Amino acid sequence: MSGIRSPRRSLFRPKGGIDQSILREHKALIERIDRRKVLRGTLSLGALSLLTGCDVGETGPVQNFLRAVSGWNDKVQEFIFRPDHLAPTYSEADVVKPPRFNAHYDVEDVKPVDGSTWKLELSGLIADKRPWTAQQLAQLPEQSMIIRHICVEGWDYIGQWSGVNLRQFLERVGADLTAKYVFFRCADDYTESLDMPSALHAQTMLATKYAGDPITDPFGFPLRLRTATKLGFKNAKWVTGIEVTNDFQETFWSKQGFNWFAGI
């Protein structure tokens, strides 16, 4: 960006002070950036000094910069990911009951799923695409783990999750384990995906229970993704569909500028 001058006023005064009138003029943009909590603490007005010579009002350059940094972060995280490295586990005494609710909307807006009609639909590079009921999933071997949930907003808690190991489930339905992505659709408007190595990690599961009891609402009944190697927003709730694919599909948060890989 150095050497490029904007035809409009610069955000920065010649002596280095921030032009407050420009900040007021572009308050909506600053607030929109601030709501990307994944960047909170690193993307501030001070961090925007990296964009010296660029007008904050020029959303194209700003957004391109943010996406470039996000993409670089994804590549670094993917590079250092160790498929055989396990996240720390904890004792039952550490488990928080009930789990903490988190979503992109208020808890009052949760729309319960009817477990009697719910089915898990399968698509993409999967040999056996027959849908699964909650009763069928309950008959599969159960995995349990006590891990830390880390939210991008800065809070965390320790929870005990039980369910079907995702790798074993993908093997059972004949999924192509050499494919690049596993994409998840949910009963609400949420979507999420994992790179295949993360999906096959030993601590990635399709969770059906919390602290030994079936998951209830508003925590993702009857099925949610639970992985120990990702930030909280990657753990999709109310999962209704799984697609195995080689084509990257934008997810709910990646469309809004969040890091997609979001873990190590």
Protein backbone atom coordinates (compact mmCIF):
# COMPACT_ATOMS: atom_id res chain seq x y z
CA MET A 1 0.00 0.00 0.00
CA SER A 2 2.99 2.32 0.46
CA GLY A 3 3.32 4.89 -2.29
CA ILE A 4 -0.38 4.76 -3.19
CA ARG A 5 -2.20 8.03 -2.51
CA SER A 6 -5.92 8.41 -2.20
CA PRO A 7 -7.70 11.19 -4.08
CA ARG A 8 -9.73 11.78 -0.91
CA ARG A 9 -8.60 12.99 2.52
CA SER A 10 -6.15 10.77 4.32
CA LEU A 11 -7.19 9.12 7.59
CA PHE A 12 -3.93 10.29 9.12
CA ARG A 13 -2.80 13.88 9.63
CA PRO A 14 0.72 14.83 8.44
CA LYS A 15 2.10 14.68 11.99
CA GLY A 16 0.64 11.23 12.61
CA GLY A 17 -2.52 12.18 14.51
CA ILE A 18 -5.81 10.50 13.57
CA ASP A 19 -8.30 12.80 11.86
CA GLN A 20 -11.32 12.47 14.16
CA SER A 21 -13.69 13.93 11.56
CA ILE A 22 -12.84 11.07 9.20
CA LEU A 23 -13.46 8.52 11.96
CA ARG A 24 -16.87 10.03 12.64
CA GLU A 25 -17.63 10.05 8.94
CA HIS A 26 -16.81 6.34 8.67
CA LYS A 27 -18.15 5.23 12.07
CA ALA A 28 -20.39 2.56 10.52
CA LEU A 29 -17.45 0.91 8.77
CA ILE A 30 -15.33 0.92 11.96
CA GLU A 31 -18.19 -0.62 13.93
CA ARG A 32 -18.71 -3.26 11.24
CA ILE A 33 -15.04 -4.22 11.45
CA ASP A 34 -15.18 -4.25 15.26
CA ARG A 35 -18.04 -6.75 15.20
CA ARG A 36 -15.66 -9.24 13.66
CA LYS A 37 -14.74 -10.42 17.11
CA VAL A 38 -12.19 -12.82 15.68
CA LEU A 39 -10.05 -9.75 14.98
CA ARG A 40 -10.85 -7.93 18.22
CA GLY A 41 -7.70 -6.90 20.02
CA THR A 42 -5.61 -7.10 16.86
CA LEU A 43 -7.63 -5.05 14.42
CA SER A 44 -8.05 -1.64 16.03
CA LEU A 45 -7.64 1.92 14.81
CA GLY A 46 -3.98 1.51 15.70
CA ALA A 47 -3.75 -1.59 13.52
CA LEU A 48 -5.36 0.37 10.70
CA SER A 49 -2.20 2.45 10.61
CA LEU A 50 -0.88 -0.40 8.48
CA LEU A 51 -3.14 0.99 5.79
CA THR A 52 -1.34 4.35 5.65
CA GLY A 53 -2.14 5.95 2.34
CA CYS A 54 -5.51 4.21 2.03
CA ASP A 55 -8.79 5.94 2.77
CA VAL A 56 -11.00 3.99 5.22
CA GLY A 57 -13.93 4.92 3.00
CA GLU A 58 -12.44 2.85 0.22
CA THR A 59 -13.96 -0.40 1.39
CA GLY A 60 -12.49 -2.38 -1.49
CA PRO A 61 -8.83 -1.94 -0.41
CA VAL A 62 -9.73 -2.37 3.27
CA GLN A 63 -11.70 -5.55 2.66
CA ASN A 64 -9.05 -6.93 0.31
CA PHE A 65 -6.40 -6.34 2.97
CA LEU A 66 -8.45 -8.04 5.68
CA ARG A 67 -9.19 -11.03 3.47
CA ALA A 68 -5.52 -11.32 2.49
CA VAL A 69 -4.51 -11.41 6.17
CA SER A 70 -7.28 -13.90 6.92
CA GLY A 71 -6.19 -16.15 4.06
CA TRP A 72 -2.58 -15.97 5.21
CA ASN A 73 -3.63 -16.96 8.74
CA ASP A 74 -5.54 -19.93 7.34
CA LYS A 75 -2.49 -21.13 5.42
CA VAL A 76 -0.23 -20.84 8.47
CA GLN A 77 -2.70 -22.69 10.72
CA GLU A 78 -3.15 -25.42 8.14
CA PHE A 79 0.61 -25.78 7.79
CA ILE A 80 1.23 -26.23 11.53
CA PHE A 81 -1.78 -28.52 12.06
CA ARG A 82 -0.67 -31.90 13.43
CA PRO A 83 -3.26 -34.59 12.68
CA ASP A 84 -1.99 -36.88 15.45
CA HIS A 85 -1.62 -34.23 18.15
CA LEU A 86 -4.35 -34.36 20.80
CA ALA A 87 -5.81 -31.35 22.58
CA PRO A 88 -5.69 -31.38 26.42
CA THR A 89 -8.46 -33.25 28.22
CA TYR A 90 -9.85 -32.67 31.71
CA SER A 91 -11.63 -34.42 34.58
CA GLU A 92 -15.38 -34.69 35.14
CA ALA A 93 -15.00 -32.32 38.09
CA ASP A 94 -14.09 -29.57 35.62
CA VAL A 95 -17.22 -29.95 33.46
CA VAL A 96 -19.53 -26.91 33.35
CA LYS A 97 -23.24 -27.73 33.53
CA PRO A 98 -25.13 -26.77 31.47
CA PRO A 99 -22.88 -25.82 28.55
CA ARG A 100 -22.76 -22.18 27.54
CA PHE A 101 -25.04 -21.09 24.71
CA ASN A 102 -23.43 -19.44 21.72
CA ALA A 103 -24.84 -18.56 18.32
CA HIS A 104 -25.10 -15.65 15.92
CA TYR A 105 -28.54 -14.83 17.35
CA ASP A 106 -30.13 -14.56 20.79
CA VAL A 107 -31.17 -17.67 22.70
CA GLU A 108 -34.80 -16.51 22.54
CA ASP A 109 -34.67 -16.95 18.76
CA VAL A 110 -33.75 -20.64 18.86
CA LYS A 111 -36.24 -22.75 16.89
CA PRO A 112 -36.37 -26.27 18.38
CA VAL A 113 -35.86 -29.26 16.07
CA ASP A 114 -38.43 -32.06 16.05
CA GLY A 115 -36.37 -35.13 16.94
CA SER A 116 -39.09 -37.52 15.76
CA THR A 117 -38.79 -36.31 12.15
CA TRP A 118 -35.14 -35.20 12.13
CA LYS A 119 -32.80 -36.92 9.69
CA LEU A 120 -29.14 -36.51 8.81
CA GLU A 121 -28.91 -36.16 5.03
CA LEU A 122 -25.71 -37.22 3.24
CA SER A 123 -24.42 -35.96 -0.11
CA GLY A 124 -21.34 -35.53 -2.24
CA LEU A 125 -18.49 -38.04 -2.35
CA ILE A 126 -20.23 -40.65 -0.17
CA ALA A 127 -21.08 -44.16 -1.36
CA ASP A 128 -24.07 -44.78 0.92
CA LYS A 129 -26.22 -41.64 0.91
CA ARG A 130 -29.14 -43.08 2.86
CA PRO A 131 -30.23 -40.62 5.59
CA TRP A 132 -29.71 -41.43 9.26
CA THR A 133 -32.19 -41.07 12.10
CA ALA A 134 -31.27 -40.16 15.67
CA GLN A 135 -32.12 -43.72 16.74
CA GLN A 136 -29.69 -45.19 14.19
CA LEU A 137 -26.89 -42.89 15.32
CA ALA A 138 -27.50 -43.89 18.93
CA GLN A 139 -26.74 -47.52 18.04
CA LEU A 140 -23.21 -46.74 16.84
CA PRO A 141 -20.13 -47.02 19.09
CA GLU A 142 -19.88 -44.02 21.39
CA GLN A 143 -16.85 -41.81 21.98
CA SER A 144 -16.58 -39.44 24.95
CA MET A 145 -14.16 -36.59 25.64
CA ILE A 146 -13.80 -33.72 28.09
CA ILE A 147 -12.30 -30.73 26.28
CA ARG A 148 -12.18 -26.96 26.41
CA HIS A 149 -14.52 -24.92 24.23
CA ILE A 150 -12.77 -21.69 23.20
CA CYS A 151 -14.97 -18.93 21.80
CA VAL A 152 -13.64 -16.32 19.41
CA GLU A 153 -15.19 -13.69 21.70
CA GLY A 154 -12.65 -14.53 24.42
CA TRP A 155 -14.51 -16.83 26.83
CA ASP A 156 -14.19 -20.58 27.32
CA TYR A 157 -15.52 -23.50 29.32
CA ILE A 158 -14.79 -27.19 29.79
CA GLY A 159 -17.42 -29.63 28.57
CA GLN A 160 -17.97 -33.37 28.32
CA TRP A 161 -19.20 -34.50 24.91
CA SER A 162 -20.21 -37.94 23.71
CA GLY A 163 -21.22 -39.20 20.30
CA VAL A 164 -20.03 -40.81 17.10
CA ASN A 165 -16.42 -40.36 16.04
CA LEU A 166 -16.63 -38.51 12.72
CA ARG A 167 -13.89 -40.50 11.02
CA GLN A 168 -15.58 -43.79 11.91
CA PHE A 169 -18.90 -42.46 10.65
CA LEU A 170 -17.39 -41.29 7.35
CA GLU A 171 -15.73 -44.68 6.91
CA ARG A 172 -19.03 -46.46 7.64
CA VAL A 173 -20.93 -44.54 4.92
CA GLY A 174 -18.14 -44.92 2.38
CA ALA A 175 -16.99 -41.32 2.22
CA ASP A 176 -13.99 -40.44 0.10
CA LEU A 177 -11.41 -39.70 2.80
CA THR A 178 -9.05 -38.22 0.21
CA ALA A 179 -11.51 -35.41 -0.53
CA LYS A 180 -10.65 -31.91 0.66
CA TYR A 181 -13.65 -30.81 2.72
CA VAL A 182 -16.55 -31.94 4.89
CA PHE A 183 -19.39 -29.41 4.72
CA PHE A 184 -22.17 -29.15 7.33
CA ARG A 185 -25.68 -27.78 6.94
CA CYS A 186 -27.84 -26.97 9.94
CA ALA A 187 -31.52 -26.62 10.81
CA ASP A 188 -31.09 -22.85 11.04
CA ASP A 189 -29.26 -20.81 8.38
CA TYR A 190 -25.83 -21.86 9.65
CA THR A 191 -23.21 -23.61 7.56
CA GLU A 192 -19.69 -24.72 8.42
CA SER A 193 -16.94 -26.92 7.02
CA LEU A 194 -13.73 -28.67 7.99
CA ASP A 195 -10.66 -29.60 6.01
CA MET A 196 -10.50 -33.37 5.75
CA PRO A 197 -7.47 -33.82 8.09
CA SER A 198 -9.35 -31.92 10.83
CA ALA A 199 -12.49 -33.96 10.17
CA LEU A 200 -10.48 -37.17 10.58
CA HIS A 201 -8.80 -36.01 13.80
CA ALA A 202 -9.33 -38.41 16.70
CA GLN A 203 -11.09 -35.69 18.73
CA THR A 204 -13.67 -34.72 16.10
CA MET A 205 -17.13 -36.17 16.63
CA LEU A 206 -20.82 -35.89 15.89
CA ALA A 207 -21.96 -35.20 19.44
CA THR A 208 -25.32 -36.41 20.72
CA LYS A 209 -24.76 -36.08 24.49
CA TYR A 210 -23.42 -33.54 26.97
CA ALA A 211 -22.25 -34.62 30.44
CA GLY A 212 -23.75 -38.06 29.82
CA ASP A 213 -27.24 -36.85 28.89
CA PRO A 214 -28.75 -36.26 25.44
CA ILE A 215 -28.00 -32.78 24.12
CA THR A 216 -30.98 -30.49 24.66
CA ASP A 217 -31.94 -27.14 23.23
CA PRO A 218 -30.61 -24.52 22.97
CA PHE A 219 -27.36 -26.47 22.61
CA GLY A 220 -27.87 -28.19 19.25
CA PHE A 221 -30.35 -31.08 19.69
CA PRO A 222 -30.14 -33.74 18.40
CA LEU A 223 -26.72 -33.54 16.70
CA ARG A 224 -23.83 -31.10 16.66
CA LEU A 225 -20.26 -31.11 15.47
CA ARG A 226 -17.69 -31.13 18.26
CA THR A 227 -13.97 -30.78 17.60
CA ALA A 228 -11.15 -30.09 20.02
CA THR A 229 -8.86 -28.45 17.45
CA LYS A 230 -11.07 -25.54 16.34
CA LEU A 231 -12.53 -22.33 17.72
CA GLY A 232 -16.09 -22.53 18.98
CA PHE A 233 -17.87 -21.19 15.92
CA LYS A 234 -16.60 -24.13 13.85
CA ASN A 235 -18.71 -26.50 15.98
CA ALA A 236 -21.97 -26.38 14.05
CA LYS A 237 -25.21 -27.12 15.95
CA TRP A 238 -28.50 -28.67 14.83
CA VAL A 239 -26.67 -30.45 12.01
CA THR A 240 -29.01 -31.77 9.32
CA GLY A 241 -26.65 -32.48 6.44
CA ILE A 242 -23.08 -33.60 5.69
CA GLU A 243 -21.46 -33.23 2.29
CA VAL A 244 -18.02 -34.55 1.34
CA THR A 245 -16.55 -32.51 -1.48
CA ASN A 246 -13.44 -31.22 -3.22
CA ASP A 247 -15.05 -27.83 -3.80
CA PHE A 248 -14.66 -25.14 -1.17
CA GLN A 249 -17.97 -23.57 -0.17
CA GLU A 250 -18.13 -20.34 1.79
CA THR A 251 -19.55 -20.81 5.29
CA PHE A 252 -21.72 -18.55 7.41
CA TRP A 253 -18.75 -16.78 9.03
CA SER A 254 -16.21 -17.04 6.22
CA LYS A 255 -18.58 -14.93 4.11
CA GLN A 256 -18.20 -12.23 6.76
CA GLY A 257 -14.42 -12.24 6.88
CA PHE A 258 -13.69 -14.68 9.69
CA ASN A 259 -10.75 -17.02 9.38
CA TRP A 260 -12.00 -20.25 7.87
CA PHE A 261 -9.45 -22.72 9.25
CA ALA A 262 -9.81 -21.28 12.78
CA GLY A 263 -7.69 -23.78 14.67
CA ILE A 264 -4.45 -25.71 14.87
